[in-house]
Amino acid sequence: MNTNGGFSLLIFALPLLLLGWLFFTQNKRMKQMRDFSSSLNVGDRIVTSSGIYGTVKHLDEASAWLEIAEGTTIRVDRRAIAMKQTDTASEGVSGTAASTPSTDVAPDDAPGNTPDSQQNGQ
């Protein structure tokens, strides 16, 4: 009669173990983000979570002022800073692969052609 006792215990324990694991990983992730945010310094080159590249010009408790272009400074929440720029990320923008023109552009997709400028045989 008591053959379902072990199965019932397993059904009850698995969701509890899953919730415990989720809380543990969430706390670990939050600690990593706090450590990263506290390690930011003025002059660090960073990338925001929305993909904006910039240099930290000023920091306070909740905000960071980023220079995104010469003379252009924006204020963002410190939590929006996703990572520090690495040398490989900046090489992708100014490296040789980005500066060489591509020859795979179809005539219809060439710069300057808009959908309205195509004649479509008319």
C-alpha atoms as a PDB file:
ATOM      1  CA  MET A   1       0.000   0.000   0.000  1.00  0.00           C
ATOM      2  CA  ASN A   2       2.873   2.363   0.708  1.00  0.00           C
ATOM      3  CA  THR A   3       4.607   1.948  -2.663  1.00  0.00           C
ATOM      4  CA  ASN A   4       3.687   5.471  -3.767  1.00  0.00           C
ATOM      5  CA  GLY A   5       5.357   7.144  -0.750  1.00  0.00           C
ATOM      6  CA  GLY A   6       8.767   7.432  -2.430  1.00  0.00           C
ATOM      7  CA  PHE A   7       7.258   8.719  -5.648  1.00  0.00           C
ATOM      8  CA  SER A   8       5.202  11.334  -3.778  1.00  0.00           C
ATOM      9  CA  LEU A   9       8.299  12.483  -1.928  1.00  0.00           C
ATOM     10  CA  LEU A  10      10.163  12.809  -5.233  1.00  0.00           C
ATOM     11  CA  ILE A  11       7.316  14.818  -6.783  1.00  0.00           C
ATOM     12  CA  PHE A  12       7.361  17.148  -3.761  1.00  0.00           C
ATOM     13  CA  ALA A  13      11.184  17.463  -3.515  1.00  0.00           C
ATOM     14  CA  LEU A  14      12.021  18.207  -7.171  1.00  0.00           C
ATOM     15  CA  PRO A  15      10.228  21.581  -7.352  1.00  0.00           C
ATOM     16  CA  LEU A  16      11.791  22.588  -4.024  1.00  0.00           C
ATOM     17  CA  LEU A  17      15.249  21.697  -5.313  1.00  0.00           C
ATOM     18  CA  LEU A  18      14.598  23.649  -8.515  1.00  0.00           C
ATOM     19  CA  LEU A  19      13.493  26.744  -6.579  1.00  0.00           C
ATOM     20  CA  GLY A  20      16.557  26.497  -4.323  1.00  0.00           C
ATOM     21  CA  TRP A  21      18.846  26.274  -7.362  1.00  0.00           C
ATOM     22  CA  LEU A  22      17.127  29.271  -9.002  1.00  0.00           C
ATOM     23  CA  PHE A  23      17.529  31.419  -5.866  1.00  0.00           C
ATOM     24  CA  PHE A  24      21.194  30.396  -5.559  1.00  0.00           C
ATOM     25  CA  THR A  25      22.043  31.250  -9.176  1.00  0.00           C
ATOM     26  CA  GLN A  26      20.118  34.548  -9.017  1.00  0.00           C
ATOM     27  CA  ASN A  27      22.008  35.613  -5.885  1.00  0.00           C
ATOM     28  CA  LYS A  28      25.299  34.641  -7.510  1.00  0.00           C
ATOM     29  CA  ARG A  29      24.454  36.681 -10.632  1.00  0.00           C
ATOM     30  CA  MET A  30      23.437  39.714  -8.538  1.00  0.00           C
ATOM     31  CA  LYS A  31      26.709  39.534  -6.586  1.00  0.00           C
ATOM     32  CA  GLN A  32      28.687  39.455  -9.840  1.00  0.00           C
ATOM     33  CA  MET A  33      26.812  42.535 -11.109  1.00  0.00           C
ATOM     34  CA  ARG A  34      27.413  44.415  -7.837  1.00  0.00           C
ATOM     35  CA  ASP A  35      31.117  43.545  -7.977  1.00  0.00           C
ATOM     36  CA  PHE A  36      31.332  44.672 -11.610  1.00  0.00           C
ATOM     37  CA  SER A  37      29.502  47.929 -10.917  1.00  0.00           C
ATOM     38  CA  SER A  38      31.743  48.724  -7.970  1.00  0.00           C
ATOM     39  CA  SER A  39      34.876  47.990 -10.028  1.00  0.00           C
ATOM     40  CA  LEU A  40      34.056  50.692 -12.614  1.00  0.00           C
ATOM     41  CA  ASN A  41      36.467  53.620 -12.715  1.00  0.00           C
ATOM     42  CA  VAL A  42      36.572  56.948 -14.496  1.00  0.00           C
ATOM     43  CA  GLY A  43      38.288  56.449 -17.835  1.00  0.00           C
ATOM     44  CA  ASP A  44      37.068  52.870 -18.388  1.00  0.00           C
ATOM     45  CA  ARG A  45      35.871  52.121 -21.899  1.00  0.00           C
ATOM     46  CA  ILE A  46      32.527  50.325 -21.616  1.00  0.00           C
ATOM     47  CA  VAL A  47      29.537  49.015 -23.567  1.00  0.00           C
ATOM     48  CA  THR A  48      25.985  49.503 -22.308  1.00  0.00           C
ATOM     49  CA  SER A  49      23.319  46.818 -22.456  1.00  0.00           C
ATOM     50  CA  SER A  50      21.770  48.669 -25.407  1.00  0.00           C
ATOM     51  CA  GLY A  51      25.046  48.597 -27.345  1.00  0.00           C
ATOM     52  CA  ILE A  52      26.316  52.145 -26.807  1.00  0.00           C
ATOM     53  CA  TYR A  53      30.109  52.378 -26.634  1.00  0.00           C
ATOM     54  CA  GLY A  54      31.593  55.074 -24.431  1.00  0.00           C
ATOM     55  CA  THR A  55      34.161  56.185 -21.887  1.00  0.00           C
ATOM     56  CA  VAL A  56      33.227  56.767 -18.238  1.00  0.00           C
ATOM     57  CA  LYS A  57      33.701  60.451 -17.397  1.00  0.00           C
ATOM     58  CA  HIS A  58      31.985  60.622 -13.980  1.00  0.00           C
ATOM     59  CA  LEU A  59      30.444  58.154 -11.528  1.00  0.00           C
ATOM     60  CA  ASP A  60      28.098  58.492  -8.597  1.00  0.00           C
ATOM     61  CA  GLU A  61      26.021  55.974  -6.621  1.00  0.00           C
ATOM     62  CA  ALA A  62      23.352  55.366  -9.256  1.00  0.00           C
ATOM     63  CA  SER A  63      24.550  57.013 -12.484  1.00  0.00           C
ATOM     64  CA  ALA A  64      27.457  57.134 -14.856  1.00  0.00           C
ATOM     65  CA  TRP A  65      28.244  59.898 -17.338  1.00  0.00           C
ATOM     66  CA  LEU A  66      29.582  58.459 -20.587  1.00  0.00           C
ATOM     67  CA  GLU A  67      31.339  60.296 -23.371  1.00  0.00           C
ATOM     68  CA  ILE A  68      30.072  58.607 -26.522  1.00  0.00           C
ATOM     69  CA  ALA A  69      31.618  61.061 -28.982  1.00  0.00           C
ATOM     70  CA  GLU A  70      33.920  64.016 -28.622  1.00  0.00           C
ATOM     71  CA  GLY A  71      31.930  66.620 -26.704  1.00  0.00           C
ATOM     72  CA  THR A  72      28.844  64.370 -26.325  1.00  0.00           C
ATOM     73  CA  THR A  73      28.151  63.092 -22.828  1.00  0.00           C
ATOM     74  CA  ILE A  74      25.126  61.077 -21.734  1.00  0.00           C
ATOM     75  CA  ARG A  75      23.945  59.988 -18.311  1.00  0.00           C
ATOM     76  CA  VAL A  76      22.994  56.328 -17.838  1.00  0.00           C
ATOM     77  CA  ASP A  77      22.033  54.148 -14.918  1.00  0.00           C
ATOM     78  CA  ARG A  78      25.024  52.154 -13.658  1.00  0.00           C
ATOM     79  CA  ARG A  79      22.996  48.966 -14.061  1.00  0.00           C
ATOM     80  CA  ALA A  80      22.826  49.628 -17.831  1.00  0.00           C
ATOM     81  CA  ILE A  81      26.590  49.149 -18.183  1.00  0.00           C
ATOM     82  CA  ALA A  82      26.982  45.605 -19.470  1.00  0.00           C
ATOM     83  CA  MET A  83      30.747  45.162 -19.812  1.00  0.00           C
ATOM     84  CA  LYS A  84      34.099  46.796 -20.252  1.00  0.00           C
ATOM     85  CA  GLN A  85      35.410  47.091 -23.785  1.00  0.00           C
ATOM     86  CA  THR A  86      38.105  44.643 -24.711  1.00  0.00           C
ATOM     87  CA  ASP A  87      40.822  45.178 -27.290  1.00  0.00           C
ATOM     88  CA  THR A  88      39.186  42.627 -29.591  1.00  0.00           C
ATOM     89  CA  ALA A  89      35.883  44.543 -29.606  1.00  0.00           C
ATOM     90  CA  SER A  90      37.586  47.777 -30.606  1.00  0.00           C
ATOM     91  CA  GLU A  91      39.639  46.008 -33.301  1.00  0.00           C
ATOM     92  CA  GLY A  92      36.416  44.760 -34.905  1.00  0.00           C
ATOM     93  CA  VAL A  93      35.324  48.344 -35.437  1.00  0.00           C
ATOM     94  CA  SER A  94      38.622  49.765 -36.681  1.00  0.00           C
ATOM     95  CA  GLY A  95      40.340  46.609 -37.932  1.00  0.00           C
ATOM     96  CA  THR A  96      41.243  45.768 -41.504  1.00  0.00           C
ATOM     97  CA  ALA A  97      38.156  43.623 -42.038  1.00  0.00           C
ATOM     98  CA  ALA A  98      35.879  46.573 -41.303  1.00  0.00           C
ATOM     99  CA  SER A  99      37.819  48.964 -43.548  1.00  0.00           C
ATOM    100  CA  THR A 100      38.000  46.798 -46.674  1.00  0.00           C
ATOM    101  CA  PRO A 101      35.051  47.235 -49.022  1.00  0.00           C
ATOM    102  CA  SER A 102      32.914  44.227 -49.744  1.00  0.00           C
ATOM    103  CA  THR A 103      32.492  43.080 -53.339  1.00  0.00           C
ATOM    104  CA  ASP A 104      29.473  40.905 -52.509  1.00  0.00           C
ATOM    105  CA  VAL A 105      26.974  43.785 -52.712  1.00  0.00           C
ATOM    106  CA  ALA A 106      24.249  43.190 -55.243  1.00  0.00           C
ATOM    107  CA  PRO A 107      23.433  46.127 -57.552  1.00  0.00           C
ATOM    108  CA  ASP A 108      19.965  46.461 -56.003  1.00  0.00           C
ATOM    109  CA  ASP A 109      21.482  46.660 -52.507  1.00  0.00           C
ATOM    110  CA  ALA A 110      24.140  49.231 -53.361  1.00  0.00           C
ATOM    111  CA  PRO A 111      24.292  52.310 -51.160  1.00  0.00           C
ATOM    112  CA  GLY A 112      22.180  55.154 -52.472  1.00  0.00           C
ATOM    113  CA  ASN A 113      19.504  52.908 -53.947  1.00  0.00           C
ATOM    114  CA  THR A 114      16.219  53.253 -52.152  1.00  0.00           C
ATOM    115  CA  PRO A 115      13.130  51.154 -52.793  1.00  0.00           C
ATOM    116  CA  ASP A 116      11.541  54.174 -54.487  1.00  0.00           C
ATOM    117  CA  SER A 117      14.457  54.635 -56.869  1.00  0.00           C
ATOM    118  CA  GLN A 118      14.163  51.177 -58.402  1.00  0.00           C
ATOM    119  CA  GLN A 119      12.281  51.130 -61.713  1.00  0.00           C
ATOM    120  CA  ASN A 120      11.098  47.497 -61.504  1.00  0.00           C
ATOM    121  CA  GLY A 121      10.868  47.309 -65.295  1.00  0.00           C
ATOM    122  CA  GLN A 122       8.525  50.290 -65.653  1.00  0.00           C
END
